[in-house]
């Protein structure tokens, strides 16, 4: 079971989670929702590095979410 943290950034909600992999490492997962109508959650592809811990995966998802909002939001 993975860990999930929710962050607010500007008008967006970033749902950052860490999905457990078979080898004991974790992969970041990111879902972004705009907090205004129309609100449609978007799953954003994230970069994954080898050997990530839960906290590192969540931090990576958060940083990539901030980058996505700055570039596309």
PDB file of N, CA and C in Angstrom:
ATOM      1  N   UNK A   1       0.839  -1.173   0.000  1.00  0.00           N
ATOM      2  CA  UNK A   1       0.000   0.000   0.000  1.00  0.00           C
ATOM      3  C   UNK A   1       0.889   1.243   0.000  1.00  0.00           C
ATOM      4  N   UNK A   2       0.569   2.210  -0.825  1.00  0.00           N
ATOM      5  CA  UNK A   2       1.377   3.406  -0.949  1.00  0.00           C
ATOM      6  C   UNK A   2       0.948   4.514  -0.004  1.00  0.00           C
ATOM      7  N   UNK A   3       1.772   5.533   0.082  1.00  0.00           N
ATOM      8  CA  UNK A   3       1.514   6.703   0.910  1.00  0.00           C
ATOM      9  C   UNK A   3       1.055   7.836   0.003  1.00  0.00           C
ATOM     10  N   UNK A   4       0.072   8.626   0.456  1.00  0.00           N
ATOM     11  CA  UNK A   4      -0.449   9.742  -0.328  1.00  0.00           C
ATOM     12  C   UNK A   4      -0.429  11.017   0.508  1.00  0.00           C
ATOM     13  N   UNK A   5      -0.004  12.123  -0.116  1.00  0.00           N
ATOM     14  CA  UNK A   5      -0.053  13.448   0.518  1.00  0.00           C
ATOM     15  C   UNK A   5      -0.704  14.408  -0.468  1.00  0.00           C
ATOM     16  N   UNK A   6      -1.515  15.325   0.056  1.00  0.00           N
ATOM     17  CA  UNK A   6      -2.207  16.309  -0.777  1.00  0.00           C
ATOM     18  C   UNK A   6      -1.628  17.687  -0.474  1.00  0.00           C
ATOM     19  N   UNK A   7      -1.257  18.396  -1.545  1.00  0.00           N
ATOM     20  CA  UNK A   7      -0.692  19.736  -1.422  1.00  0.00           C
ATOM     21  C   UNK A   7      -1.563  20.709  -2.214  1.00  0.00           C
ATOM     22  N   UNK A   8      -1.621  21.946  -1.770  1.00  0.00           N
ATOM     23  CA  UNK A   8      -2.307  23.025  -2.498  1.00  0.00           C
ATOM     24  C   UNK A   8      -1.244  23.941  -3.076  1.00  0.00           C
ATOM     25  N   UNK A   9      -1.402  24.297  -4.358  1.00  0.00           N
ATOM     26  CA  UNK A   9      -0.479  25.232  -5.007  1.00  0.00           C
ATOM     27  C   UNK A   9      -1.293  26.101  -5.954  1.00  0.00           C
ATOM     28  N   UNK A  10      -1.317  27.403  -5.675  1.00  0.00           N
ATOM     29  CA  UNK A  10      -2.147  28.349  -6.431  1.00  0.00           C
ATOM     30  C   UNK A  10      -3.579  27.826  -6.462  1.00  0.00           C
ATOM     31  N   UNK A  11      -4.159  27.624  -7.639  1.00  0.00           N
ATOM     32  CA  UNK A  11      -5.534  27.129  -7.750  1.00  0.00           C
ATOM     33  C   UNK A  11      -5.578  25.628  -8.004  1.00  0.00           C
ATOM     34  N   UNK A  12      -4.530  24.924  -7.653  1.00  0.00           N
ATOM     35  CA  UNK A  12      -4.428  23.498  -7.954  1.00  0.00           C
ATOM     36  C   UNK A  12      -4.250  22.670  -6.688  1.00  0.00           C
ATOM     37  N   UNK A  13      -4.762  21.457  -6.765  1.00  0.00           N
ATOM     38  CA  UNK A  13      -4.546  20.465  -5.720  1.00  0.00           C
ATOM     39  C   UNK A  13      -3.661  19.377  -6.306  1.00  0.00           C
ATOM     40  N   UNK A  14      -2.540  19.117  -5.651  1.00  0.00           N
ATOM     41  CA  UNK A  14      -1.594  18.103  -6.112  1.00  0.00           C
ATOM     42  C   UNK A  14      -1.705  16.890  -5.193  1.00  0.00           C
ATOM     43  N   UNK A  15      -2.136  15.780  -5.739  1.00  0.00           N
ATOM     44  CA  UNK A  15      -2.226  14.538  -4.974  1.00  0.00           C
ATOM     45  C   UNK A  15      -0.988  13.718  -5.338  1.00  0.00           C
ATOM     46  N   UNK A  16      -0.040  13.685  -4.421  1.00  0.00           N
ATOM     47  CA  UNK A  16       1.240  13.018  -4.646  1.00  0.00           C
ATOM     48  C   UNK A  16       1.264  11.724  -3.848  1.00  0.00           C
ATOM     49  N   UNK A  17       1.619  10.647  -4.511  1.00  0.00           N
ATOM     50  CA  UNK A  17       1.663   9.371  -3.811  1.00  0.00           C
ATOM     51  C   UNK A  17       2.903   8.588  -4.208  1.00  0.00           C
ATOM     52  N   UNK A  18       3.184   7.572  -3.398  1.00  0.00           N
ATOM     53  CA  UNK A  18       4.308   6.684  -3.641  1.00  0.00           C
ATOM     54  C   UNK A  18       3.750   5.271  -3.771  1.00  0.00           C
ATOM     55  N   UNK A  19       3.916   4.700  -4.943  1.00  0.00           N
ATOM     56  CA  UNK A  19       3.425   3.352  -5.201  1.00  0.00           C
ATOM     57  C   UNK A  19       4.559   2.359  -4.971  1.00  0.00           C
ATOM     58  N   UNK A  20       4.304   1.349  -4.151  1.00  0.00           N
ATOM     59  CA  UNK A  20       5.322   0.349  -3.849  1.00  0.00           C
ATOM     60  C   UNK A  20       5.565  -0.545  -5.058  1.00  0.00           C
ATOM     61  N   UNK A  21       6.829  -0.801  -5.335  1.00  0.00           N
ATOM     62  CA  UNK A  21       7.221  -1.712  -6.404  1.00  0.00           C
ATOM     63  C   UNK A  21       7.668  -3.040  -5.785  1.00  0.00           C
ATOM     64  N   UNK A  22       7.810  -4.053  -6.599  1.00  0.00           N
ATOM     65  CA  UNK A  22       8.164  -5.383  -6.115  1.00  0.00           C
ATOM     66  C   UNK A  22       9.521  -5.450  -5.418  1.00  0.00           C
ATOM     67  N   UNK A  23      10.462  -4.625  -5.828  1.00  0.00           N
ATOM     68  CA  UNK A  23      11.823  -4.715  -5.307  1.00  0.00           C
ATOM     69  C   UNK A  23      12.047  -3.879  -4.042  1.00  0.00           C
ATOM     70  N   UNK A  24      10.985  -3.367  -3.431  1.00  0.00           N
ATOM     71  CA  UNK A  24      11.119  -2.574  -2.213  1.00  0.00           C
ATOM     72  C   UNK A  24      11.308  -1.098  -2.454  1.00  0.00           C
ATOM     73  N   UNK A  25      11.362  -0.694  -3.704  1.00  0.00           N
ATOM     74  CA  UNK A  25      11.474   0.717  -4.037  1.00  0.00           C
ATOM     75  C   UNK A  25      10.086   1.289  -4.262  1.00  0.00           C
ATOM     76  N   UNK A  26      10.027   2.595  -4.522  1.00  0.00           N
ATOM     77  CA  UNK A  26       8.752   3.271  -4.713  1.00  0.00           C
ATOM     78  C   UNK A  26       8.786   4.114  -5.978  1.00  0.00           C
ATOM     79  N   UNK A  27       7.622   4.236  -6.614  1.00  0.00           N
ATOM     80  CA  UNK A  27       7.479   5.050  -7.820  1.00  0.00           C
ATOM     81  C   UNK A  27       6.530   6.212  -7.507  1.00  0.00           C
ATOM     82  N   UNK A  28       6.861   7.419  -7.970  1.00  0.00           N
ATOM     83  CA  UNK A  28       5.981   8.559  -7.734  1.00  0.00           C
ATOM     84  C   UNK A  28       4.748   8.500  -8.628  1.00  0.00           C
ATOM     85  N   UNK A  29       3.635   9.016  -8.106  1.00  0.00           N
ATOM     86  CA  UNK A  29       2.393   9.120  -8.857  1.00  0.00           C
ATOM     87  C   UNK A  29       1.822  10.504  -8.579  1.00  0.00           C
ATOM     88  N   UNK A  30       1.306  11.167  -9.611  1.00  0.00           N
ATOM     89  CA  UNK A  30       0.837  12.543  -9.472  1.00  0.00           C
ATOM     90  C   UNK A  30      -0.499  12.725 -10.169  1.00  0.00           C
ATOM     91  N   UNK A  31      -1.477  13.273  -9.418  1.00  0.00           N
ATOM     92  CA  UNK A  31      -2.774  13.643  -9.981  1.00  0.00           C
ATOM     93  C   UNK A  31      -2.995  15.107  -9.630  1.00  0.00           C
ATOM     94  N   UNK A  32      -3.316  15.918 -10.660  1.00  0.00           N
ATOM     95  CA  UNK A  32      -3.521  17.354 -10.464  1.00  0.00           C
ATOM     96  C   UNK A  32      -4.971  17.704 -10.783  1.00  0.00           C
ATOM     97  N   UNK A  33      -5.596  18.503  -9.899  1.00  0.00           N
ATOM     98  CA  UNK A  33      -6.961  18.983 -10.115  1.00  0.00           C
ATOM     99  C   UNK A  33      -6.987  20.489  -9.929  1.00  0.00           C
ATOM    100  N   UNK A  34      -7.616  21.185 -10.858  1.00  0.00           N
ATOM    101  CA  UNK A  34      -7.797  22.626 -10.702  1.00  0.00           C
ATOM    102  C   UNK A  34      -8.973  22.843  -9.771  1.00  0.00           C
ATOM    103  N   UNK A  35      -8.844  23.767  -8.847  1.00  0.00           N
ATOM    104  CA  UNK A  35      -9.883  24.007  -7.858  1.00  0.00           C
ATOM    105  C   UNK A  35     -10.881  25.056  -8.326  1.00  0.00           C
ATOM    106  N   UNK A  36     -11.249  24.995  -9.594  1.00  0.00           N
ATOM    107  CA  UNK A  36     -12.263  25.871 -10.177  1.00  0.00           C
ATOM    108  C   UNK A  36     -12.986  25.075 -11.254  1.00  0.00           C
ATOM    109  N   UNK A  37     -14.182  25.492 -11.588  1.00  0.00           N
ATOM    110  CA  UNK A  37     -14.942  24.768 -12.595  1.00  0.00           C
ATOM    111  C   UNK A  37     -14.369  25.040 -13.974  1.00  0.00           C
ATOM    112  N   UNK A  38     -14.216  24.157 -14.877  1.00  0.00           N
ATOM    113  CA  UNK A  38     -14.469  22.726 -14.693  1.00  0.00           C
ATOM    114  C   UNK A  38     -13.265  22.041 -14.062  1.00  0.00           C
ATOM    115  N   UNK A  39     -13.496  21.281 -13.052  1.00  0.00           N
ATOM    116  CA  UNK A  39     -12.433  20.563 -12.367  1.00  0.00           C
ATOM    117  C   UNK A  39     -12.373  19.145 -12.907  1.00  0.00           C
ATOM    118  N   UNK A  40     -11.258  18.811 -13.506  1.00  0.00           N
ATOM    119  CA  UNK A  40     -11.076  17.486 -14.079  1.00  0.00           C
ATOM    120  C   UNK A  40      -9.708  16.968 -13.643  1.00  0.00           C
ATOM    121  N   UNK A  41      -9.668  15.943 -12.800  1.00  0.00           N
ATOM    122  CA  UNK A  41      -8.365  15.422 -12.365  1.00  0.00           C
ATOM    123  C   UNK A  41      -7.548  14.906 -13.546  1.00  0.00           C
ATOM    124  N   UNK A  42      -6.265  15.184 -13.527  1.00  0.00           N
ATOM    125  CA  UNK A  42      -5.356  14.723 -14.576  1.00  0.00           C
ATOM    126  C   UNK A  42      -4.220  13.945 -13.943  1.00  0.00           C
ATOM    127  N   UNK A  43      -4.010  12.755 -14.438  1.00  0.00           N
ATOM    128  CA  UNK A  43      -2.869  11.965 -14.000  1.00  0.00           C
ATOM    129  C   UNK A  43      -1.685  12.358 -14.861  1.00  0.00           C
ATOM    130  N   UNK A  44      -0.628  12.812 -14.229  1.00  0.00           N
ATOM    131  CA  UNK A  44       0.550  13.312 -14.925  1.00  0.00           C
ATOM    132  C   UNK A  44       1.651  12.250 -14.874  1.00  0.00           C
ATOM    133  N   UNK A  45       2.254  11.984 -16.014  1.00  0.00           N
ATOM    134  CA  UNK A  45       3.372  11.040 -16.063  1.00  0.00           C
ATOM    135  C   UNK A  45       4.542  11.621 -15.275  1.00  0.00           C
ATOM    136  N   UNK A  46       5.163  10.792 -14.454  1.00  0.00           N
ATOM    137  CA  UNK A  46       6.273  11.241 -13.629  1.00  0.00           C
ATOM    138  C   UNK A  46       7.538  10.464 -13.970  1.00  0.00           C
ATOM    139  N   UNK A  47       8.659  11.115 -13.710  1.00  0.00           N
ATOM    140  CA  UNK A  47       9.957  10.458 -13.885  1.00  0.00           C
ATOM    141  C   UNK A  47      10.257   9.643 -12.628  1.00  0.00           C
ATOM    142  N   UNK A  48      10.783   8.468 -12.826  1.00  0.00           N
ATOM    143  CA  UNK A  48      11.105   7.588 -11.698  1.00  0.00           C
ATOM    144  C   UNK A  48      12.585   7.264 -11.715  1.00  0.00           C
ATOM    145  N   UNK A  49      13.195   7.333 -10.559  1.00  0.00           N
ATOM    146  CA  UNK A  49      14.607   6.983 -10.428  1.00  0.00           C
ATOM    147  C   UNK A  49      14.720   5.686  -9.632  1.00  0.00           C
ATOM    148  N   UNK A  50      15.788   4.973  -9.844  1.00  0.00           N
ATOM    149  CA  UNK A  50      16.013   3.729  -9.118  1.00  0.00           C
ATOM    150  C   UNK A  50      16.286   3.995  -7.648  1.00  0.00           C
ATOM    151  N   UNK A  51      15.767   3.129  -6.798  1.00  0.00           N
ATOM    152  CA  UNK A  51      16.072   3.184  -5.377  1.00  0.00           C
ATOM    153  C   UNK A  51      15.360   4.264  -4.593  1.00  0.00           C
ATOM    154  N   UNK A  52      14.219   4.742  -5.062  1.00  0.00           N
ATOM    155  CA  UNK A  52      13.501   5.811  -4.365  1.00  0.00           C
ATOM    156  C   UNK A  52      12.811   5.286  -3.108  1.00  0.00           C
ATOM    157  N   UNK A  53      12.897   6.072  -2.042  1.00  0.00           N
ATOM    158  CA  UNK A  53      12.144   5.777  -0.823  1.00  0.00           C
ATOM    159  C   UNK A  53      10.755   6.396  -0.969  1.00  0.00           C
ATOM    160  N   UNK A  54       9.862   6.132  -0.002  1.00  0.00           N
ATOM    161  CA  UNK A  54       8.521   6.729  -0.039  1.00  0.00           C
ATOM    162  C   UNK A  54       8.599   8.249  -0.073  1.00  0.00           C
ATOM    163  N   UNK A  55       9.378   8.810   0.844  1.00  0.00           N
ATOM    164  CA  UNK A  55       9.485  10.272   0.926  1.00  0.00           C
ATOM    165  C   UNK A  55      10.095  10.866  -0.341  1.00  0.00           C
ATOM    166  N   UNK A  56      11.098  10.214  -0.894  1.00  0.00           N
ATOM    167  CA  UNK A  56      11.739  10.709  -2.114  1.00  0.00           C
ATOM    168  C   UNK A  56      10.762  10.661  -3.287  1.00  0.00           C
ATOM    169  N   UNK A  57       9.935   9.624  -3.364  1.00  0.00           N
ATOM    170  CA  UNK A  57       8.950   9.508  -4.441  1.00  0.00           C
ATOM    171  C   UNK A  57       7.886  10.599  -4.322  1.00  0.00           C
ATOM    172  N   UNK A  58       7.419  10.861  -3.107  1.00  0.00           N
ATOM    173  CA  UNK A  58       6.419  11.920  -2.899  1.00  0.00           C
ATOM    174  C   UNK A  58       7.027  13.281  -3.205  1.00  0.00           C
ATOM    175  N   UNK A  59       8.247  13.524  -2.770  1.00  0.00           N
ATOM    176  CA  UNK A  59       8.925  14.789  -3.058  1.00  0.00           C
ATOM    177  C   UNK A  59       9.121  14.971  -4.556  1.00  0.00           C
ATOM    178  N   UNK A  60       9.480  13.910  -5.251  1.00  0.00           N
ATOM    179  CA  UNK A  60       9.656  13.964  -6.702  1.00  0.00           C
ATOM    180  C   UNK A  60       8.335  14.292  -7.395  1.00  0.00           C
ATOM    181  N   UNK A  61       7.252  13.659  -6.971  1.00  0.00           N
ATOM    182  CA  UNK A  61       5.931  13.939  -7.546  1.00  0.00           C
ATOM    183  C   UNK A  61       5.536  15.393  -7.292  1.00  0.00           C
ATOM    184  N   UNK A  62       5.794  15.892  -6.084  1.00  0.00           N
ATOM    185  CA  UNK A  62       5.478  17.277  -5.749  1.00  0.00           C
ATOM    186  C   UNK A  62       6.256  18.265  -6.629  1.00  0.00           C
ATOM    187  N   UNK A  63       7.543  18.043  -6.765  1.00  0.00           N
ATOM    188  CA  UNK A  63       8.367  18.930  -7.590  1.00  0.00           C
ATOM    189  C   UNK A  63       7.921  18.909  -9.049  1.00  0.00           C
ATOM    190  N   UNK A  64       7.585  17.730  -9.555  1.00  0.00           N
ATOM    191  CA  UNK A  64       7.112  17.631 -10.933  1.00  0.00           C
ATOM    192  C   UNK A  64       5.734  18.280 -11.089  1.00  0.00           C
ATOM    193  N   UNK A  65       4.914  18.235 -10.032  1.00  0.00           N
ATOM    194  CA  UNK A  65       3.616  18.907 -10.050  1.00  0.00           C
ATOM    195  C   UNK A  65       3.762  20.417 -10.113  1.00  0.00           C
ATOM    196  N   UNK A  66       4.677  20.963  -9.328  1.00  0.00           N
ATOM    197  CA  UNK A  66       4.944  22.408  -9.348  1.00  0.00           C
ATOM    198  C   UNK A  66       5.439  22.812 -10.735  1.00  0.00           C
ATOM    199  N   UNK A  67       6.313  22.007 -11.302  1.00  0.00           N
ATOM    200  CA  UNK A  67       6.827  22.272 -12.647  1.00  0.00           C
ATOM    201  C   UNK A  67       5.698  22.245 -13.678  1.00  0.00           C
ATOM    202  N   UNK A  68       4.792  21.275 -13.568  1.00  0.00           N
ATOM    203  CA  UNK A  68       3.679  21.159 -14.514  1.00  0.00           C
ATOM    204  C   UNK A  68       2.767  22.384 -14.422  1.00  0.00           C
ATOM    205  N   UNK A  69       2.445  22.814 -13.199  1.00  0.00           N
ATOM    206  CA  UNK A  69       1.580  23.989 -13.018  1.00  0.00           C
ATOM    207  C   UNK A  69       2.244  25.225 -13.611  1.00  0.00           C
ATOM    208  N   UNK A  70       3.546  25.388 -13.407  1.00  0.00           N
ATOM    209  CA  UNK A  70       4.262  26.545 -13.929  1.00  0.00           C
ATOM    210  C   UNK A  70       4.278  26.549 -15.461  1.00  0.00           C
ATOM    211  N   UNK A  71       4.395  25.386 -16.077  1.00  0.00           N
ATOM    212  CA  UNK A  71       4.505  25.310 -17.534  1.00  0.00           C
ATOM    213  C   UNK A  71       3.175  25.192 -18.271  1.00  0.00           C
ATOM    214  N   UNK A  72       2.205  24.495 -17.683  1.00  0.00           N
ATOM    215  CA  UNK A  72       0.970  24.177 -18.406  1.00  0.00           C
ATOM    216  C   UNK A  72      -0.294  24.652 -17.708  1.00  0.00           C
ATOM    217  N   UNK A  73      -0.197  25.047 -16.448  1.00  0.00           N
ATOM    218  CA  UNK A  73      -1.385  25.367 -15.658  1.00  0.00           C
ATOM    219  C   UNK A  73      -2.015  26.672 -15.948  1.00  0.00           C
TER     220      UNK A  73
END
